Structure formats: C-alpha cells, structure tokens
C-alpha cells in the first residue's frame, strides 16, 4: 500500500499542494537541531517506478504561474524561480530533486497531476 504525502490532513495531489507542504515543513524545521539516526527506523518498501520529470515539463508548469504573486516567507517568487531555471545547472538540480521526490513518494503522481 502506498500513500501520498499529507499536509494538514490532506494528500498532496498537485504541485501546488506539494510545494505548500514542503515550504511549510522547511520553515517549521529551519534552525532546529535534527537527529538523522531516526532515518534508520524507516521500513524499507519497494519503490514505484515513475516517468522522470523533464526540463521542458518543469519549464511549462512554472511558466503558468503569475510573476506578481507574493512570495512566501522564503522570499522566493515565481519570477525568481523562472530566472533561476534559465541556468541549465540550476534547472538540472531542481529536476533531480523532483525526480528523487517521485522515487520516495509512491502514489504521488496522480490523475490530477497528469491532467495539467
């Protein structure tokens, strides 16, 4: 059985809800000590195989967001992200992070995501 990442009791089934969850979690955990030994307690489960994100796919999704939207507490706006991904090395790193996320979150790529 697989589950989507949940935030505020709801599954993250869209890029926007996943971003909100990651953004909120990062800001909550920022400047707190962590104990990485807790990762040793995670049960190993078989990984689901998903098609990797492509650079073009990410560019197309990010292009849809309005540049004038207010940034969150991290001060990263869609306009900044659009500038960042113009550098191929940055775009490659973001794609690698997204693809790793897909590997470790089976079931996340739902029908809602594929309709976009």
C-alpha atoms as a PDB file:
ATOM      1  CA  UNK A   1       0.000   0.000   0.000  1.00  0.00           C
ATOM      2  CA  UNK A   2       1.288   3.452  -0.867  1.00  0.00           C
ATOM      3  CA  UNK A   3       0.214   6.885   0.297  1.00  0.00           C
ATOM      4  CA  UNK A   4       0.678  10.419  -0.933  1.00  0.00           C
ATOM      5  CA  UNK A   5       2.441  12.984   1.211  1.00  0.00           C
ATOM      6  CA  UNK A   6      -0.137  14.548   3.522  1.00  0.00           C
ATOM      7  CA  UNK A   7      -0.182  18.129   4.780  1.00  0.00           C
ATOM      8  CA  UNK A   8      -2.805  19.407   7.229  1.00  0.00           C
ATOM      9  CA  UNK A   9      -4.512  16.025   6.938  1.00  0.00           C
ATOM     10  CA  UNK A  10      -4.949  16.247   3.152  1.00  0.00           C
ATOM     11  CA  UNK A  11      -2.969  14.362   0.466  1.00  0.00           C
ATOM     12  CA  UNK A  12      -0.701  16.484  -1.724  1.00  0.00           C
ATOM     13  CA  UNK A  13      -2.018  15.632  -5.177  1.00  0.00           C
ATOM     14  CA  UNK A  14      -0.884  18.691  -7.089  1.00  0.00           C
ATOM     15  CA  UNK A  15       2.409  20.531  -7.456  1.00  0.00           C
ATOM     16  CA  UNK A  16       0.896  23.482  -5.600  1.00  0.00           C
ATOM     17  CA  UNK A  17      -0.158  21.427  -2.577  1.00  0.00           C
ATOM     18  CA  UNK A  18       3.191  19.635  -2.506  1.00  0.00           C
ATOM     19  CA  UNK A  19       5.007  22.975  -2.654  1.00  0.00           C
ATOM     20  CA  UNK A  20       2.874  24.307   0.224  1.00  0.00           C
ATOM     21  CA  UNK A  21       3.670  21.211   2.309  1.00  0.00           C
ATOM     22  CA  UNK A  22       7.413  21.343   1.625  1.00  0.00           C
ATOM     23  CA  UNK A  23       7.530  25.105   2.129  1.00  0.00           C
ATOM     24  CA  UNK A  24       5.681  24.914   5.446  1.00  0.00           C
ATOM     25  CA  UNK A  25       7.747  21.968   6.670  1.00  0.00           C
ATOM     26  CA  UNK A  26      11.025  23.647   5.787  1.00  0.00           C
ATOM     27  CA  UNK A  27      10.070  26.865   7.556  1.00  0.00           C
ATOM     28  CA  UNK A  28       8.913  24.947  10.627  1.00  0.00           C
ATOM     29  CA  UNK A  29      12.122  22.900  10.816  1.00  0.00           C
ATOM     30  CA  UNK A  30      14.519  25.711   9.993  1.00  0.00           C
ATOM     31  CA  UNK A  31      17.069  26.375  12.756  1.00  0.00           C
ATOM     32  CA  UNK A  32      16.067  23.239  14.713  1.00  0.00           C
ATOM     33  CA  UNK A  33      18.539  20.508  15.574  1.00  0.00           C
ATOM     34  CA  UNK A  34      17.887  17.208  13.851  1.00  0.00           C
ATOM     35  CA  UNK A  35      18.732  13.635  14.688  1.00  0.00           C
ATOM     36  CA  UNK A  36      19.371  11.800  11.417  1.00  0.00           C
ATOM     37  CA  UNK A  37      19.507   8.448  13.235  1.00  0.00           C
ATOM     38  CA  UNK A  38      15.720   8.443  13.126  1.00  0.00           C
ATOM     39  CA  UNK A  39      16.058   7.575   9.428  1.00  0.00           C
ATOM     40  CA  UNK A  40      17.413   4.164  10.455  1.00  0.00           C
ATOM     41  CA  UNK A  41      13.953   3.289  11.798  1.00  0.00           C
ATOM     42  CA  UNK A  42      12.184   3.745   8.447  1.00  0.00           C
ATOM     43  CA  UNK A  43      10.878   0.499   6.967  1.00  0.00           C
ATOM     44  CA  UNK A  44      12.209  -0.257   3.517  1.00  0.00           C
ATOM     45  CA  UNK A  45       9.458  -0.605   0.949  1.00  0.00           C
ATOM     46  CA  UNK A  46       9.668  -1.374  -2.749  1.00  0.00           C
ATOM     47  CA  UNK A  47       9.888   1.722  -4.889  1.00  0.00           C
ATOM     48  CA  UNK A  48       7.351   2.534  -7.564  1.00  0.00           C
ATOM     49  CA  UNK A  49       8.730   3.484 -10.943  1.00  0.00           C
ATOM     50  CA  UNK A  50       7.526   6.764 -12.428  1.00  0.00           C
ATOM     51  CA  UNK A  51       8.497   8.567 -15.565  1.00  0.00           C
ATOM     52  CA  UNK A  52      11.081  11.207 -14.734  1.00  0.00           C
ATOM     53  CA  UNK A  53      10.251  14.890 -14.932  1.00  0.00           C
ATOM     54  CA  UNK A  54      11.731  16.581 -17.951  1.00  0.00           C
ATOM     55  CA  UNK A  55      13.234  20.041 -18.086  1.00  0.00           C
ATOM     56  CA  UNK A  56      10.557  21.099 -20.567  1.00  0.00           C
ATOM     57  CA  UNK A  57       7.775  19.797 -18.331  1.00  0.00           C
ATOM     58  CA  UNK A  58       9.047  21.856 -15.382  1.00  0.00           C
ATOM     59  CA  UNK A  59       9.506  24.973 -17.518  1.00  0.00           C
ATOM     60  CA  UNK A  60       5.956  24.669 -18.869  1.00  0.00           C
ATOM     61  CA  UNK A  61       4.421  24.279 -15.409  1.00  0.00           C
ATOM     62  CA  UNK A  62       6.397  27.156 -13.868  1.00  0.00           C
ATOM     63  CA  UNK A  63       5.619  29.429 -16.848  1.00  0.00           C
ATOM     64  CA  UNK A  64       1.901  29.197 -15.955  1.00  0.00           C
ATOM     65  CA  UNK A  65       2.367  30.921 -12.579  1.00  0.00           C
ATOM     66  CA  UNK A  66       1.850  34.665 -12.263  1.00  0.00           C
ATOM     67  CA  UNK A  67       5.070  36.601 -11.593  1.00  0.00           C
ATOM     68  CA  UNK A  68       3.257  39.133  -9.423  1.00  0.00           C
ATOM     69  CA  UNK A  69       2.116  36.623  -6.791  1.00  0.00           C
ATOM     70  CA  UNK A  70       3.505  37.467  -3.360  1.00  0.00           C
ATOM     71  CA  UNK A  71       6.423  35.268  -2.269  1.00  0.00           C
ATOM     72  CA  UNK A  72       6.201  33.121   0.825  1.00  0.00           C
ATOM     73  CA  UNK A  73       8.383  33.502   3.932  1.00  0.00           C
ATOM     74  CA  UNK A  74      11.382  32.155   1.991  1.00  0.00           C
ATOM     75  CA  UNK A  75      11.060  35.228  -0.314  1.00  0.00           C
ATOM     76  CA  UNK A  76      11.287  33.022  -3.432  1.00  0.00           C
ATOM     77  CA  UNK A  77       8.768  34.231  -6.002  1.00  0.00           C
ATOM     78  CA  UNK A  78       7.719  32.553  -9.232  1.00  0.00           C
ATOM     79  CA  UNK A  79       9.603  35.305 -11.053  1.00  0.00           C
ATOM     80  CA  UNK A  80      12.803  34.355  -9.182  1.00  0.00           C
ATOM     81  CA  UNK A  81      12.271  30.671  -9.934  1.00  0.00           C
ATOM     82  CA  UNK A  82      11.769  31.442 -13.632  1.00  0.00           C
ATOM     83  CA  UNK A  83      15.095  33.293 -13.643  1.00  0.00           C
ATOM     84  CA  UNK A  84      16.861  30.524 -11.707  1.00  0.00           C
ATOM     85  CA  UNK A  85      15.796  27.768 -14.111  1.00  0.00           C
ATOM     86  CA  UNK A  86      17.222  29.674 -17.073  1.00  0.00           C
ATOM     87  CA  UNK A  87      20.610  28.412 -15.846  1.00  0.00           C
ATOM     88  CA  UNK A  88      20.848  24.807 -17.008  1.00  0.00           C
ATOM     89  CA  UNK A  89      22.809  23.667 -13.931  1.00  0.00           C
ATOM     90  CA  UNK A  90      20.114  25.018 -11.588  1.00  0.00           C
ATOM     91  CA  UNK A  91      17.341  23.517 -13.716  1.00  0.00           C
ATOM     92  CA  UNK A  92      19.112  20.145 -13.694  1.00  0.00           C
ATOM     93  CA  UNK A  93      19.450  20.233  -9.895  1.00  0.00           C
ATOM     94  CA  UNK A  94      15.763  21.077  -9.429  1.00  0.00           C
ATOM     95  CA  UNK A  95      14.772  18.263 -11.824  1.00  0.00           C
ATOM     96  CA  UNK A  96      16.975  15.841  -9.874  1.00  0.00           C
ATOM     97  CA  UNK A  97      15.297  16.861  -6.600  1.00  0.00           C
ATOM     98  CA  UNK A  98      11.831  16.469  -8.136  1.00  0.00           C
ATOM     99  CA  UNK A  99      12.711  13.047  -9.546  1.00  0.00           C
ATOM    100  CA  UNK A 100      14.080  11.906  -6.181  1.00  0.00           C
ATOM    101  CA  UNK A 101      10.850  13.081  -4.571  1.00  0.00           C
ATOM    102  CA  UNK A 102       8.901  10.907  -7.009  1.00  0.00           C
ATOM    103  CA  UNK A 103      11.047   7.884  -6.141  1.00  0.00           C
ATOM    104  CA  UNK A 104      10.476   8.254  -2.406  1.00  0.00           C
ATOM    105  CA  UNK A 105       6.769   9.127  -2.562  1.00  0.00           C
ATOM    106  CA  UNK A 106       4.972   6.284  -4.365  1.00  0.00           C
ATOM    107  CA  UNK A 107       1.464   7.157  -5.478  1.00  0.00           C
ATOM    108  CA  UNK A 108       2.077  10.906  -5.606  1.00  0.00           C
ATOM    109  CA  UNK A 109       1.799  11.274  -9.373  1.00  0.00           C
ATOM    110  CA  UNK A 110      -1.967  11.051  -9.508  1.00  0.00           C
ATOM    111  CA  UNK A 111      -4.508  11.579 -12.253  1.00  0.00           C
ATOM    112  CA  UNK A 112      -4.905  15.184 -11.044  1.00  0.00           C
ATOM    113  CA  UNK A 113      -1.219  15.904 -11.811  1.00  0.00           C
ATOM    114  CA  UNK A 114      -1.358  14.293 -15.261  1.00  0.00           C
ATOM    115  CA  UNK A 115      -4.360  16.412 -16.278  1.00  0.00           C
ATOM    116  CA  UNK A 116      -2.335  19.636 -16.001  1.00  0.00           C
END
